[in-house]
């Protein structure tokens, strides 16, 4: 009988552990926790305006910098995001002179996929 109780307790503990691993909610990608090259570029060049997690913010002069996680950026294509990063516009500085083509590609993919979908 004692063995059966111990085995039941072990099985329940194992089941609760597995249940924690199978969380059905998608996790938000956290920039601060990542060590990838793309997040390093984001922290260096983008976070000052778009916020440390890409959530957007209001600048000191009152301008609103959009979120890269929701809103209008959800409908942008990779090419549109690439163009925005490279050429700037609508108050954004162009980065084609500061970043290589490869880095702009990495950043556009990062914004398109990781920030919007919350994966990585």
Protein backbone atom coordinates (compact mmCIF):
# COMPACT_ATOMS: atom_id res chain seq x y z
CA UNK A 1 0.00 0.00 0.00
CA UNK A 2 2.81 2.41 0.86
CA UNK A 3 4.50 1.64 -2.43
CA UNK A 4 1.29 2.39 -4.32
CA UNK A 5 0.97 5.78 -2.55
CA UNK A 6 4.59 6.63 -3.35
CA UNK A 7 4.15 5.69 -7.00
CA UNK A 8 0.95 7.73 -7.20
CA UNK A 9 2.71 10.74 -5.67
CA UNK A 10 5.60 10.41 -8.12
CA UNK A 11 3.22 10.11 -11.08
CA UNK A 12 1.26 13.17 -9.97
CA UNK A 13 4.44 15.20 -9.51
CA UNK A 14 5.60 14.16 -12.99
CA UNK A 15 2.21 15.05 -14.50
CA UNK A 16 2.24 18.53 -12.91
CA UNK A 17 5.77 19.08 -14.20
CA UNK A 18 4.73 18.13 -17.75
CA UNK A 19 1.64 20.33 -17.54
CA UNK A 20 3.91 23.32 -16.93
CA UNK A 21 5.86 22.50 -20.08
CA UNK A 22 2.77 22.42 -22.28
CA UNK A 23 1.56 25.95 -21.77
CA UNK A 24 -0.96 26.66 -24.52
CA UNK A 25 -0.40 30.43 -24.47
CA UNK A 26 2.18 31.75 -26.94
CA UNK A 27 5.13 33.37 -25.22
CA UNK A 28 6.11 36.92 -26.02
CA UNK A 29 9.68 37.11 -27.30
CA UNK A 30 11.70 39.07 -24.72
CA UNK A 31 14.50 41.12 -26.26
CA UNK A 32 16.28 41.66 -22.94
CA UNK A 33 16.68 37.89 -22.49
CA UNK A 34 18.14 37.23 -25.94
CA UNK A 35 21.81 37.16 -26.85
CA UNK A 36 21.27 37.03 -30.62
CA UNK A 37 23.02 39.43 -32.97
CA UNK A 38 19.67 40.84 -34.10
CA UNK A 39 18.66 41.77 -30.57
CA UNK A 40 22.03 43.39 -30.03
CA UNK A 41 21.44 45.51 -33.13
CA UNK A 42 17.94 46.32 -31.90
CA UNK A 43 19.23 47.45 -28.52
CA UNK A 44 21.91 49.61 -30.18
CA UNK A 45 19.86 51.26 -32.90
CA UNK A 46 16.13 50.83 -32.31
CA UNK A 47 15.36 50.64 -28.59
CA UNK A 48 16.09 54.33 -28.01
CA UNK A 49 12.95 55.23 -29.96
CA UNK A 50 10.87 52.03 -30.13
CA UNK A 51 11.45 51.08 -26.49
CA UNK A 52 13.51 48.25 -24.99
CA UNK A 53 10.94 45.62 -26.00
CA UNK A 54 9.70 47.24 -29.23
CA UNK A 55 6.45 48.36 -27.63
CA UNK A 56 6.75 51.96 -28.90
CA UNK A 57 6.80 55.11 -26.82
CA UNK A 58 6.27 58.85 -26.76
CA UNK A 59 9.42 60.93 -27.31
CA UNK A 60 10.27 64.02 -25.26
CA UNK A 61 9.04 66.27 -28.08
CA UNK A 62 5.62 64.57 -28.01
CA UNK A 63 6.02 62.42 -31.14
CA UNK A 64 4.60 58.92 -30.86
CA UNK A 65 6.92 56.13 -32.03
CA UNK A 66 4.88 53.09 -33.10
CA UNK A 67 5.00 49.66 -31.53
CA UNK A 68 6.78 47.01 -33.59
CA UNK A 69 4.74 44.29 -31.87
CA UNK A 70 1.21 45.34 -32.75
CA UNK A 71 -0.80 47.83 -34.74
CA UNK A 72 0.09 48.87 -38.28
CA UNK A 73 3.34 46.88 -38.38
CA UNK A 74 1.38 43.63 -38.23
CA UNK A 75 0.25 44.25 -41.82
CA UNK A 76 3.66 45.22 -43.26
CA UNK A 77 5.56 42.86 -45.54
CA UNK A 78 9.24 42.00 -45.08
CA UNK A 79 10.07 44.26 -48.03
CA UNK A 80 8.14 47.18 -46.56
CA UNK A 81 9.90 46.74 -43.22
CA UNK A 82 13.28 46.49 -44.98
CA UNK A 83 12.56 49.71 -46.89
CA UNK A 84 11.48 51.51 -43.70
CA UNK A 85 14.66 50.50 -41.87
CA UNK A 86 16.97 51.26 -44.81
CA UNK A 87 15.36 54.47 -46.07
CA UNK A 88 13.66 55.80 -42.95
CA UNK A 89 10.83 58.27 -43.30
CA UNK A 90 7.83 59.35 -41.25
CA UNK A 91 10.20 60.66 -38.60
CA UNK A 92 12.52 57.65 -38.64
CA UNK A 93 16.22 57.95 -39.41
CA UNK A 94 17.47 55.91 -42.40
CA UNK A 95 19.87 53.18 -41.35
CA UNK A 96 21.33 52.25 -44.76
CA UNK A 97 24.44 54.30 -43.94
CA UNK A 98 24.82 52.86 -40.43
CA UNK A 99 24.00 49.20 -41.00
CA UNK A 100 25.20 46.82 -43.70
CA UNK A 101 22.71 45.32 -46.14
CA UNK A 102 23.00 42.04 -44.22
CA UNK A 103 22.21 43.81 -40.94
CA UNK A 104 19.18 45.57 -42.44
CA UNK A 105 18.02 42.15 -43.71
CA UNK A 106 18.50 40.64 -40.25
CA UNK A 107 16.61 43.52 -38.63
CA UNK A 108 13.71 43.38 -41.09
CA UNK A 109 13.38 39.62 -40.52
CA UNK A 110 13.59 40.16 -36.75
CA UNK A 111 10.81 42.77 -36.79
CA UNK A 112 8.71 40.80 -39.26
CA UNK A 113 8.94 37.43 -37.53
CA UNK A 114 10.17 37.55 -33.96
CA UNK A 115 8.57 40.71 -32.64
CA UNK A 116 5.24 40.20 -34.40
CA UNK A 117 4.87 36.49 -33.76
CA UNK A 118 6.56 36.42 -30.38
CA UNK A 119 8.69 33.42 -31.25
CA UNK A 120 12.32 32.49 -31.02
